[in-house]
PDB file of N, CA and C in Angstrom:
ATOM      1  N   MET A   1       0.840  -1.182   0.000  1.00  0.00           N
ATOM      2  CA  MET A   1       0.000   0.000   0.000  1.00  0.00           C
ATOM      3  C   MET A   1       0.884   1.244   0.000  1.00  0.00           C
ATOM      4  N   GLU A   2       0.485   2.234  -0.753  1.00  0.00           N
ATOM      5  CA  GLU A   2       1.206   3.506  -0.797  1.00  0.00           C
ATOM      6  C   GLU A   2       0.678   4.456   0.269  1.00  0.00           C
ATOM      7  N   TYR A   3       1.548   5.388   0.651  1.00  0.00           N
ATOM      8  CA  TYR A   3       1.194   6.413   1.633  1.00  0.00           C
ATOM      9  C   TYR A   3       1.614   7.772   1.099  1.00  0.00           C
ATOM     10  N   ILE A   4       0.841   8.782   1.470  1.00  0.00           N
ATOM     11  CA  ILE A   4       1.199  10.161   1.140  1.00  0.00           C
ATOM     12  C   ILE A   4       1.512  10.877   2.443  1.00  0.00           C
ATOM     13  N   LEU A   5       2.662  11.535   2.471  1.00  0.00           N
ATOM     14  CA  LEU A   5       3.027  12.390   3.597  1.00  0.00           C
ATOM     15  C   LEU A   5       2.571  13.799   3.238  1.00  0.00           C
ATOM     16  N   ILE A   6       1.617  14.306   4.009  1.00  0.00           N
ATOM     17  CA  ILE A   6       1.101  15.659   3.793  1.00  0.00           C
ATOM     18  C   ILE A   6       1.795  16.566   4.802  1.00  0.00           C
ATOM     19  N   VAL A   7       2.498  17.570   4.307  1.00  0.00           N
ATOM     20  CA  VAL A   7       3.334  18.431   5.144  1.00  0.00           C
ATOM     21  C   VAL A   7       2.884  19.885   4.996  1.00  0.00           C
ATOM     22  N   THR A   8       2.754  20.568   6.119  1.00  0.00           N
ATOM     23  CA  THR A   8       2.498  22.006   6.108  1.00  0.00           C
ATOM     24  C   THR A   8       3.381  22.658   7.159  1.00  0.00           C
ATOM     25  N   TRP A   9       4.114  23.681   6.747  1.00  0.00           N
ATOM     26  CA  TRP A   9       4.904  24.504   7.659  1.00  0.00           C
ATOM     27  C   TRP A   9       4.164  25.818   7.873  1.00  0.00           C
ATOM     28  N   PHE A  10       4.027  26.225   9.126  1.00  0.00           N
ATOM     29  CA  PHE A  10       3.388  27.486   9.481  1.00  0.00           C
ATOM     30  C   PHE A  10       4.450  28.426  10.030  1.00  0.00           C
ATOM     31  N   LEU A  11       4.568  29.602   9.414  1.00  0.00           N
ATOM     32  CA  LEU A  11       5.522  30.616   9.858  1.00  0.00           C
ATOM     33  C   LEU A  11       4.776  31.900  10.180  1.00  0.00           C
ATOM     34  N   LEU A  12       5.223  32.583  11.208  1.00  0.00           N
ATOM     35  CA  LEU A  12       4.585  33.821  11.621  1.00  0.00           C
ATOM     36  C   LEU A  12       4.583  34.841  10.485  1.00  0.00           C
ATOM     37  N   ASP A  13       3.445  35.464  10.250  1.00  0.00           N
ATOM     38  CA  ASP A  13       3.287  36.518   9.250  1.00  0.00           C
ATOM     39  C   ASP A  13       3.563  36.062   7.818  1.00  0.00           C
ATOM     40  N   GLN A  14       3.454  34.751   7.567  1.00  0.00           N
ATOM     41  CA  GLN A  14       3.635  34.237   6.205  1.00  0.00           C
ATOM     42  C   GLN A  14       2.547  33.208   5.921  1.00  0.00           C
ATOM     43  N   ALA A  15       2.252  33.033   4.668  1.00  0.00           N
ATOM     44  CA  ALA A  15       1.288  32.004   4.275  1.00  0.00           C
ATOM     45  C   ALA A  15       1.893  30.628   4.547  1.00  0.00           C
ATOM     46  N   PRO A  16       1.076  29.651   4.936  1.00  0.00           N
ATOM     47  CA  PRO A  16       1.596  28.302   5.146  1.00  0.00           C
ATOM     48  C   PRO A  16       2.181  27.732   3.854  1.00  0.00           C
ATOM     49  N   THR A  17       3.172  26.875   4.011  1.00  0.00           N
ATOM     50  CA  THR A  17       3.793  26.183   2.885  1.00  0.00           C
ATOM     51  C   THR A  17       3.441  24.708   2.998  1.00  0.00           C
ATOM     52  N   SER A  18       2.805  24.166   1.971  1.00  0.00           N
ATOM     53  CA  SER A  18       2.363  22.768   2.007  1.00  0.00           C
ATOM     54  C   SER A  18       2.886  22.004   0.800  1.00  0.00           C
ATOM     55  N   TYR A  19       3.107  20.703   1.023  1.00  0.00           N
ATOM     56  CA  TYR A  19       3.468  19.823  -0.083  1.00  0.00           C
ATOM     57  C   TYR A  19       3.135  18.386   0.303  1.00  0.00           C
ATOM     58  N   GLN A  20       3.157  17.491  -0.685  1.00  0.00           N
ATOM     59  CA  GLN A  20       2.853  16.082  -0.475  1.00  0.00           C
ATOM     60  C   GLN A  20       3.941  15.236  -1.121  1.00  0.00           C
ATOM     61  N   VAL A  21       4.262  14.108  -0.470  1.00  0.00           N
ATOM     62  CA  VAL A  21       5.266  13.185  -1.005  1.00  0.00           C
ATOM     63  C   VAL A  21       4.711  11.767  -0.879  1.00  0.00           C
ATOM     64  N   ARG A  22       4.834  10.974  -1.935  1.00  0.00           N
ATOM     65  CA  ARG A  22       4.366   9.573  -1.919  1.00  0.00           C
ATOM     66  C   ARG A  22       5.473   8.652  -1.431  1.00  0.00           C
ATOM     67  N   PHE A  23       5.052   7.632  -0.675  1.00  0.00           N
ATOM     68  CA  PHE A  23       5.977   6.604  -0.190  1.00  0.00           C
ATOM     69  C   PHE A  23       5.370   5.232  -0.443  1.00  0.00           C
ATOM     70  N   GLY A  24       6.234   4.241  -0.618  1.00  0.00           N
ATOM     71  CA  GLY A  24       5.788   2.884  -0.904  1.00  0.00           C
ATOM     72  C   GLY A  24       5.407   2.084   0.314  1.00  0.00           C
ATOM     73  N   SER A  25       5.697   2.608   1.509  1.00  0.00           N
ATOM     74  CA  SER A  25       5.350   1.874   2.729  1.00  0.00           C
ATOM     75  C   SER A  25       5.079   2.846   3.870  1.00  0.00           C
ATOM     76  N   SER A  26       4.383   2.346   4.876  1.00  0.00           N
ATOM     77  CA  SER A  26       4.103   3.177   6.049  1.00  0.00           C
ATOM     78  C   SER A  26       5.383   3.472   6.816  1.00  0.00           C
ATOM     79  N   ILE A  27       6.327   2.549   6.807  1.00  0.00           N
ATOM     80  CA  ILE A  27       7.599   2.743   7.521  1.00  0.00           C
ATOM     81  C   ILE A  27       8.390   3.880   6.895  1.00  0.00           C
ATOM     82  N   ALA A  28       8.479   3.901   5.570  1.00  0.00           N
ATOM     83  CA  ALA A  28       9.217   4.973   4.891  1.00  0.00           C
ATOM     84  C   ALA A  28       8.559   6.327   5.143  1.00  0.00           C
ATOM     85  N   CYS A  29       7.236   6.358   5.135  1.00  0.00           N
ATOM     86  CA  CYS A  29       6.516   7.607   5.377  1.00  0.00           C
ATOM     87  C   CYS A  29       6.759   8.077   6.815  1.00  0.00           C
ATOM     88  N   ALA A  30       6.685   7.151   7.767  1.00  0.00           N
ATOM     89  CA  ALA A  30       6.895   7.495   9.172  1.00  0.00           C
ATOM     90  C   ALA A  30       8.320   7.990   9.415  1.00  0.00           C
ATOM     91  N   GLN A  31       9.300   7.395   8.733  1.00  0.00           N
ATOM     92  CA  GLN A  31      10.692   7.842   8.889  1.00  0.00           C
ATOM     93  C   GLN A  31      10.859   9.272   8.379  1.00  0.00           C
ATOM     94  N   ALA A  32      10.255   9.571   7.241  1.00  0.00           N
ATOM     95  CA  ALA A  32      10.345  10.924   6.694  1.00  0.00           C
ATOM     96  C   ALA A  32       9.649  11.916   7.628  1.00  0.00           C
ATOM     97  N   ARG A  33       8.514  11.517   8.197  1.00  0.00           N
ATOM     98  CA  ARG A  33       7.794  12.370   9.146  1.00  0.00           C
ATOM     99  C   ARG A  33       8.652  12.649  10.376  1.00  0.00           C
ATOM    100  N   THR A  34       9.332  11.625  10.877  1.00  0.00           N
ATOM    101  CA  THR A  34      10.223  11.786  12.037  1.00  0.00           C
ATOM    102  C   THR A  34      11.358  12.746  11.721  1.00  0.00           C
ATOM    103  N   GLU A  35      11.922  12.654  10.529  1.00  0.00           N
ATOM    104  CA  GLU A  35      12.999  13.574  10.135  1.00  0.00           C
ATOM    105  C   GLU A  35      12.504  15.018  10.116  1.00  0.00           C
ATOM    106  N   LEU A  36      11.278  15.219   9.638  1.00  0.00           N
ATOM    107  CA  LEU A  36      10.704  16.564   9.641  1.00  0.00           C
ATOM    108  C   LEU A  36      10.482  17.063  11.069  1.00  0.00           C
ATOM    109  N   GLN A  37      10.024  16.184  11.948  1.00  0.00           N
ATOM    110  CA  GLN A  37       9.820  16.567  13.347  1.00  0.00           C
ATOM    111  C   GLN A  37      11.146  16.937  14.006  1.00  0.00           C
ATOM    112  N   ASN A  38      12.204  16.229  13.658  1.00  0.00           N
ATOM    113  CA  ASN A  38      13.528  16.571  14.181  1.00  0.00           C
ATOM    114  C   ASN A  38      13.978  17.938  13.657  1.00  0.00           C
ATOM    115  N   GLU A  39      13.652  18.231  12.420  1.00  0.00           N
ATOM    116  CA  GLU A  39      13.970  19.544  11.843  1.00  0.00           C
ATOM    117  C   GLU A  39      13.220  20.651  12.584  1.00  0.00           C
ATOM    118  N   GLU A  40      11.945  20.389  12.905  1.00  0.00           N
ATOM    119  CA  GLU A  40      11.162  21.368  13.663  1.00  0.00           C
ATOM    120  C   GLU A  40      11.794  21.617  15.035  1.00  0.00           C
ATOM    121  N   LYS A  41      12.255  20.548  15.689  1.00  0.00           N
ATOM    122  CA  LYS A  41      12.924  20.694  16.991  1.00  0.00           C
ATOM    123  C   LYS A  41      14.192  21.533  16.866  1.00  0.00           C
ATOM    124  N   ARG A  42      14.929  21.318  15.783  1.00  0.00           N
ATOM    125  CA  ARG A  42      16.156  22.099  15.557  1.00  0.00           C
ATOM    126  C   ARG A  42      15.820  23.575  15.391  1.00  0.00           C
ATOM    127  N   PHE A  43      14.772  23.870  14.622  1.00  0.00           N
ATOM    128  CA  PHE A  43      14.346  25.264  14.449  1.00  0.00           C
ATOM    129  C   PHE A  43      13.963  25.885  15.790  1.00  0.00           C
ATOM    130  N   LYS A  44      13.239  25.123  16.621  1.00  0.00           N
ATOM    131  CA  LYS A  44      12.832  25.636  17.932  1.00  0.00           C
ATOM    132  C   LYS A  44      14.042  25.917  18.808  1.00  0.00           C
ATOM    133  N   ALA A  45      15.039  25.038  18.760  1.00  0.00           N
ATOM    134  CA  ALA A  45      16.249  25.233  19.564  1.00  0.00           C
ATOM    135  C   ALA A  45      16.998  26.488  19.121  1.00  0.00           C
ATOM    136  N   GLU A  46      17.027  26.728  17.817  1.00  0.00           N
ATOM    137  CA  GLU A  46      17.714  27.914  17.292  1.00  0.00           C
ATOM    138  C   GLU A  46      16.956  29.196  17.635  1.00  0.00           C
ATOM    139  N   ALA A  47      15.671  29.088  17.914  1.00  0.00           N
ATOM    140  CA  ALA A  47      14.852  30.265  18.196  1.00  0.00           C
ATOM    141  C   ALA A  47      14.880  30.653  19.674  1.00  0.00           C
ATOM    142  N   GLN A  48      15.643  29.937  20.482  1.00  0.00           N
ATOM    143  CA  GLN A  48      15.711  30.251  21.910  1.00  0.00           C
ATOM    144  C   GLN A  48      16.320  31.632  22.110  1.00  0.00           C
ATOM    145  N   PRO A  49      15.887  32.329  23.152  1.00  0.00           N
ATOM    146  CA  PRO A  49      16.437  33.670  23.402  1.00  0.00           C
ATOM    147  C   PRO A  49      17.926  33.611  23.756  1.00  0.00           C
ATOM    148  N   GLU A  50      18.613  34.693  23.452  1.00  0.00           N
ATOM    149  CA  GLU A  50      20.035  34.832  23.789  1.00  0.00           C
ATOM    150  C   GLU A  50      20.174  35.809  24.948  1.00  0.00           C
ATOM    151  N   ILE A  51      21.276  35.692  25.661  1.00  0.00           N
ATOM    152  CA  ILE A  51      21.592  36.659  26.707  1.00  0.00           C
ATOM    153  C   ILE A  51      22.698  37.569  26.166  1.00  0.00           C
ATOM    154  N   VAL A  52      22.384  38.859  26.032  1.00  0.00           N
ATOM    155  CA  VAL A  52      23.341  39.842  25.527  1.00  0.00           C
ATOM    156  C   VAL A  52      23.404  40.970  26.546  1.00  0.00           C
ATOM    157  N   ASP A  53      24.600  41.216  27.075  1.00  0.00           N
ATOM    158  CA  ASP A  53      24.787  42.276  28.073  1.00  0.00           C
ATOM    159  C   ASP A  53      23.784  42.139  29.228  1.00  0.00           C
ATOM    160  N   ASN A  54      23.650  40.917  29.724  1.00  0.00           N
ATOM    161  CA  ASN A  54      22.740  40.601  30.841  1.00  0.00           C
ATOM    162  C   ASN A  54      21.273  40.863  30.515  1.00  0.00           C
ATOM    163  N   MET A  55      20.930  40.918  29.244  1.00  0.00           N
ATOM    164  CA  MET A  55      19.534  41.102  28.839  1.00  0.00           C
ATOM    165  C   MET A  55      19.141  39.953  27.916  1.00  0.00           C
ATOM    166  N   GLU A  56      17.916  39.481  28.092  1.00  0.00           N
ATOM    167  CA  GLU A  56      17.420  38.413  27.244  1.00  0.00           C
ATOM    168  C   GLU A  56      16.873  39.004  25.947  1.00  0.00           C
ATOM    169  N   VAL A  57      17.433  38.539  24.834  1.00  0.00           N
ATOM    170  CA  VAL A  57      17.008  38.999  23.511  1.00  0.00           C
ATOM    171  C   VAL A  57      16.253  37.840  22.859  1.00  0.00           C
ATOM    172  N   PRO A  58      14.962  38.032  22.546  1.00  0.00           N
ATOM    173  CA  PRO A  58      14.206  36.918  21.967  1.00  0.00           C
ATOM    174  C   PRO A  58      14.726  36.535  20.594  1.00  0.00           C
ATOM    175  N   GLY A  59      14.700  35.234  20.324  1.00  0.00           N
ATOM    176  CA  GLY A  59      15.075  34.742  19.007  1.00  0.00           C
ATOM    177  C   GLY A  59      13.904  34.867  18.055  1.00  0.00           C
ATOM    178  N   PRO A  60      14.120  34.562  16.804  1.00  0.00           N
ATOM    179  CA  PRO A  60      13.017  34.615  15.840  1.00  0.00           C
ATOM    180  C   PRO A  60      11.997  33.533  16.172  1.00  0.00           C
ATOM    181  N   PRO A  61      10.723  33.734  15.828  1.00  0.00           N
ATOM    182  CA  PRO A  61       9.731  32.693  16.096  1.00  0.00           C
ATOM    183  C   PRO A  61      10.014  31.456  15.251  1.00  0.00           C
ATOM    184  N   ALA A  62       9.886  30.297  15.852  1.00  0.00           N
ATOM    185  CA  ALA A  62      10.153  29.037  15.146  1.00  0.00           C
ATOM    186  C   ALA A  62       8.938  28.637  14.309  1.00  0.00           C
ATOM    187  N   PRO A  63       9.174  28.065  13.141  1.00  0.00           N
ATOM    188  CA  PRO A  63       8.045  27.559  12.351  1.00  0.00           C
ATOM    189  C   PRO A  63       7.412  26.354  13.041  1.00  0.00           C
ATOM    190  N   ARG A  64       6.133  26.147  12.795  1.00  0.00           N
ATOM    191  CA  ARG A  64       5.395  25.005  13.333  1.00  0.00           C
ATOM    192  C   ARG A  64       5.113  24.043  12.192  1.00  0.00           C
ATOM    193  N   LEU A  65       5.123  22.764  12.515  1.00  0.00           N
ATOM    194  CA  LEU A  65       4.971  21.714  11.515  1.00  0.00           C
ATOM    195  C   LEU A  65       3.686  20.928  11.725  1.00  0.00           C
ATOM    196  N   SER A  66       3.035  20.608  10.636  1.00  0.00           N
ATOM    197  CA  SER A  66       1.963  19.624  10.625  1.00  0.00           C
ATOM    198  C   SER A  66       2.357  18.592   9.567  1.00  0.00           C
ATOM    199  N   ALA A  67       2.475  17.327   9.983  1.00  0.00           N
ATOM    200  CA  ALA A  67       2.877  16.269   9.042  1.00  0.00           C
ATOM    201  C   ALA A  67       2.063  15.015   9.325  1.00  0.00           C
ATOM    202  N   LEU A  68       1.455  14.454   8.300  1.00  0.00           N
ATOM    203  CA  LEU A  68       0.545  13.344   8.468  1.00  0.00           C
ATOM    204  C   LEU A  68       0.748  12.333   7.343  1.00  0.00           C
ATOM    205  N   CYS A  69       0.881  11.051   7.692  1.00  0.00           N
ATOM    206  CA  CYS A  69       0.961   9.976   6.705  1.00  0.00           C
ATOM    207  C   CYS A  69      -0.448   9.431   6.484  1.00  0.00           C
ATOM    208  N   VAL A  70      -0.872   9.409   5.225  1.00  0.00           N
ATOM    209  CA  VAL A  70      -2.229   8.967   4.876  1.00  0.00           C
ATOM    210  C   VAL A  70      -2.135   7.831   3.874  1.00  0.00           C
ATOM    211  N   PRO A  71      -2.819   6.703   4.148  1.00  0.00           N
ATOM    212  CA  PRO A  71      -2.798   5.601   3.183  1.00  0.00           C
ATOM    213  C   PRO A  71      -3.581   5.963   1.921  1.00  0.00           C
ATOM    214  N   VAL A  72      -3.081   5.488   0.784  1.00  0.00           N
ATOM    215  CA  VAL A  72      -3.725   5.732  -0.506  1.00  0.00           C
ATOM    216  C   VAL A  72      -4.228   4.401  -1.033  1.00  0.00           C
ATOM    217  N   ASN A  73      -5.473   4.360  -1.449  1.00  0.00           N
ATOM    218  CA  ASN A  73      -6.043   3.111  -1.999  1.00  0.00           C
ATOM    219  C   ASN A  73      -5.727   2.968  -3.446  1.00  0.00           C
TER     220      ASN A  73
END
């Protein structure tokens, strides 16, 4: 059975970015979804505030991810 990974990235003050990718198995789709989730975590880590001259400076807002594997008949 084939699966489609439906991906949408949400960024502050920007239109969402969406795309779809076909996979030949649920395992391959789930692995790709996990890689995207790890990318989202990396973005969140980079968006953490910095301390500059004893003041907290906020980082840029991190994008949010929606990723779903859907079976195709």
